[in-house]
Protein backbone atom coordinates (compact mmCIF):
# COMPACT_ATOMS: atom_id res chain seq x y z
CA MET A 1 -4.90 -14.70 -14.68
CA ILE A 2 -6.52 -11.70 -13.17
CA ILE A 3 -4.31 -12.59 -10.15
CA SER A 4 -1.20 -12.71 -12.35
CA ILE A 5 -1.80 -9.22 -13.65
CA LEU A 6 -2.68 -7.66 -10.61
CA ALA A 7 0.66 -9.14 -9.24
CA ILE A 8 2.47 -7.35 -12.10
CA LEU A 9 1.04 -4.11 -11.70
CA ILE A 10 1.54 -4.07 -7.91
CA LEU A 11 5.37 -5.11 -8.46
CA ILE A 12 5.66 -2.17 -11.04
CA PHE A 13 4.30 0.11 -8.81
CA ILE A 14 6.46 -0.46 -6.20
CA ASP A 15 9.61 -0.23 -8.81
CA GLN A 16 8.11 3.01 -9.93
CA ALA A 17 7.26 4.29 -6.84
CA SER A 18 10.88 4.06 -5.61
CA LYS A 19 12.29 5.69 -8.42
CA PHE A 20 9.77 8.51 -8.38
CA TYR A 21 11.15 8.87 -4.82
CA VAL A 22 14.85 8.98 -5.98
CA VAL A 23 14.48 11.41 -8.59
CA LYS A 24 12.31 13.93 -6.74
CA ASN A 25 14.94 13.60 -3.38
CA PHE A 26 18.27 13.10 -5.06
CA VAL A 27 20.35 14.82 -7.36
CA GLU A 28 21.95 12.49 -10.00
CA GLY A 29 25.36 11.21 -8.14
CA GLU A 30 24.21 12.01 -4.94
CA SER A 31 24.77 9.25 -2.18
CA LEU A 32 22.99 8.94 1.18
CA PRO A 33 24.77 6.18 3.42
CA ILE A 34 22.35 3.87 4.66
CA ILE A 35 24.40 1.56 6.56
CA GLY A 36 27.84 2.65 7.07
CA ASN A 37 29.85 2.34 3.91
CA PHE A 38 28.12 -1.05 3.09
CA PHE A 39 24.94 0.15 1.76
CA HIS A 40 23.98 3.44 0.27
CA PHE A 41 21.31 4.95 -1.78
CA THR A 42 22.95 6.24 -4.84
CA TYR A 43 21.43 8.00 -7.95
CA VAL A 44 22.64 6.92 -10.99
CA LYS A 45 21.07 7.24 -14.55
CA ASN A 46 21.70 3.98 -16.39
CA ARG A 47 21.57 4.17 -20.02
CA GLY A 48 22.45 0.43 -20.61
CA VAL A 49 21.42 -2.52 -19.43
CA ALA A 50 22.75 -4.99 -16.80
CA PHE A 51 26.19 -3.82 -15.59
CA GLY A 52 25.94 -0.52 -17.79
CA VAL A 53 26.33 -2.90 -20.70
CA LEU A 54 24.97 -1.14 -24.46
CA GLN A 55 25.04 2.24 -23.12
CA ASN A 56 23.07 4.81 -25.12
CA LYS A 57 21.47 1.91 -27.07
CA LEU A 58 17.80 3.09 -26.40
CA PHE A 59 16.20 1.95 -28.81
CA LEU A 60 17.63 -1.42 -29.12
CA ILE A 61 17.32 -2.07 -25.65
CA THR A 62 13.96 -0.96 -25.42
CA PHE A 63 12.65 -2.84 -28.62
CA VAL A 64 14.02 -5.96 -27.29
CA GLY A 65 12.89 -5.64 -23.79
CA VAL A 66 9.17 -5.04 -25.16
CA ALA A 67 9.41 -8.17 -27.28
CA ALA A 68 10.94 -10.27 -24.61
CA VAL A 69 8.22 -9.25 -22.12
CA GLY A 70 5.59 -10.10 -25.05
CA ILE A 71 7.19 -13.42 -25.52
CA ILE A 72 7.19 -14.20 -21.87
CA GLY A 73 3.59 -13.05 -21.45
CA TYR A 74 2.52 -15.25 -24.50
CA TYR A 75 4.26 -18.27 -22.81
CA VAL A 76 2.96 -17.64 -19.12
CA PHE A 77 -0.46 -17.09 -20.21
CA GLN A 78 -0.70 -19.77 -22.67
CA SER A 79 1.74 -22.61 -21.74
CA VAL A 80 2.50 -22.32 -17.82
CA LYS A 81 0.10 -24.86 -16.11
CA LYS A 82 -2.11 -24.04 -13.17
CA GLU A 83 0.39 -26.39 -11.02
CA GLU A 84 3.47 -24.95 -12.08
CA TRP A 85 3.02 -22.05 -9.80
CA VAL A 86 6.72 -21.49 -8.78
CA ALA A 87 6.93 -20.98 -12.74
CA ARG A 88 4.15 -18.42 -12.67
CA ILE A 89 5.95 -16.70 -10.07
CA ALA A 90 8.79 -16.44 -11.64
CA TYR A 91 7.68 -15.08 -14.74
CA ILE A 92 5.15 -12.47 -12.91
CA PHE A 93 8.57 -11.17 -11.20
CA ILE A 94 10.81 -11.35 -14.67
CA MET A 95 8.17 -9.70 -16.19
CA SER A 96 7.45 -6.87 -13.89
CA GLY A 97 11.05 -6.27 -13.53
CA ALA A 98 11.54 -5.90 -17.24
CA ILE A 99 8.65 -3.87 -17.73
CA GLY A 100 9.50 -1.36 -14.76
CA ASN A 101 13.02 -0.86 -16.18
CA ILE A 102 10.81 -0.53 -20.01
CA LEU A 103 9.01 2.26 -18.53
CA ASP A 104 12.05 4.12 -17.35
CA ARG A 105 13.70 4.13 -21.01
CA ILE A 106 10.51 5.43 -22.61
CA TYR A 107 9.60 8.21 -20.12
CA ARG A 108 12.92 9.22 -18.85
CA GLY A 109 15.32 7.93 -21.56
CA TYR A 110 17.46 5.78 -19.05
CA VAL A 111 16.71 3.62 -15.98
CA VAL A 112 16.70 5.18 -12.46
CA ASP A 113 19.29 3.05 -10.31
CA PHE A 114 19.82 3.65 -6.94
CA ILE A 115 20.60 0.56 -4.75
CA ASP A 116 24.01 0.35 -3.73
CA PHE A 117 25.93 -2.48 -1.94
CA ARG A 118 29.46 -0.90 -1.78
CA GLY A 119 30.36 -4.15 0.69
CA ILE A 120 29.63 -6.33 -2.35
CA TRP A 121 30.35 -5.17 -5.77
CA THR A 122 30.46 -1.41 -7.54
CA PHE A 123 27.28 -1.85 -9.34
CA VAL A 124 24.45 0.08 -8.47
CA PHE A 125 20.85 -1.36 -9.21
CA ASN A 126 17.08 -0.60 -8.54
CA ILE A 127 13.72 -2.53 -7.29
CA ALA A 128 13.21 -3.52 -10.95
CA ASP A 129 16.43 -5.73 -11.29
CA VAL A 130 15.94 -7.16 -7.58
CA TRP A 131 12.05 -8.41 -9.41
CA ILE A 132 14.24 -9.79 -12.15
CA ASN A 133 16.71 -11.70 -9.76
CA VAL A 134 14.22 -13.04 -7.84
CA GLY A 135 12.14 -14.40 -11.15
CA VAL A 136 15.32 -16.21 -11.70
CA VAL A 137 15.91 -17.77 -8.43
CA PHE A 138 11.84 -18.99 -8.70
CA LEU A 139 12.85 -20.39 -12.30
CA LEU A 140 15.67 -22.62 -11.20
CA ILE A 141 13.46 -23.61 -8.02
CA GLN A 142 10.90 -24.53 -10.90
CA TYR A 143 13.54 -26.70 -12.45
CA ALA A 144 14.66 -28.45 -9.57
CA ILE A 145 11.16 -29.32 -8.62
CA GLU A 146 10.66 -30.80 -12.26
CA ASP A 147 13.96 -32.66 -12.18
CA LYS A 148 13.11 -34.54 -9.09
CA LYS A 149 9.70 -35.16 -10.59
CA ARG A 150 11.70 -36.66 -13.24
CA GLU A 151 14.05 -38.70 -11.40
CA GLU A 152 11.04 -40.25 -9.30
CA LYS A 153 9.35 -41.53 -12.46
């Protein structure tokens, strides 16, 4: 459990440090091309959730986020078995990303987004969002492992 908590804290630190860098070095709307017109750092204040949904619903978004982190945390530390290490990694990433964005909403009133892959889509996101997506991929892997075990039985 201590290793899980340490991992969560490290992932949150990486997220928050990246956002701190952007806030201190960019003006809102400023964009820095990194790879041609494909990848930019673009400072955006997101007052909603994924893809800008629920704009300006700070209390609702924060409340739901904190509740979700609490439920996931309880589940991970009470129910996930030690041999289900892939699931544990998944939930560590998901919780870290959720907490990183919750911290932004609480302390800034918005989430700092800056990763801008213009060559793929028009949405700008952040490291916390990456953590959540990595966690989802690990969950899919865990479910595939469980399905294979069920098939073998």
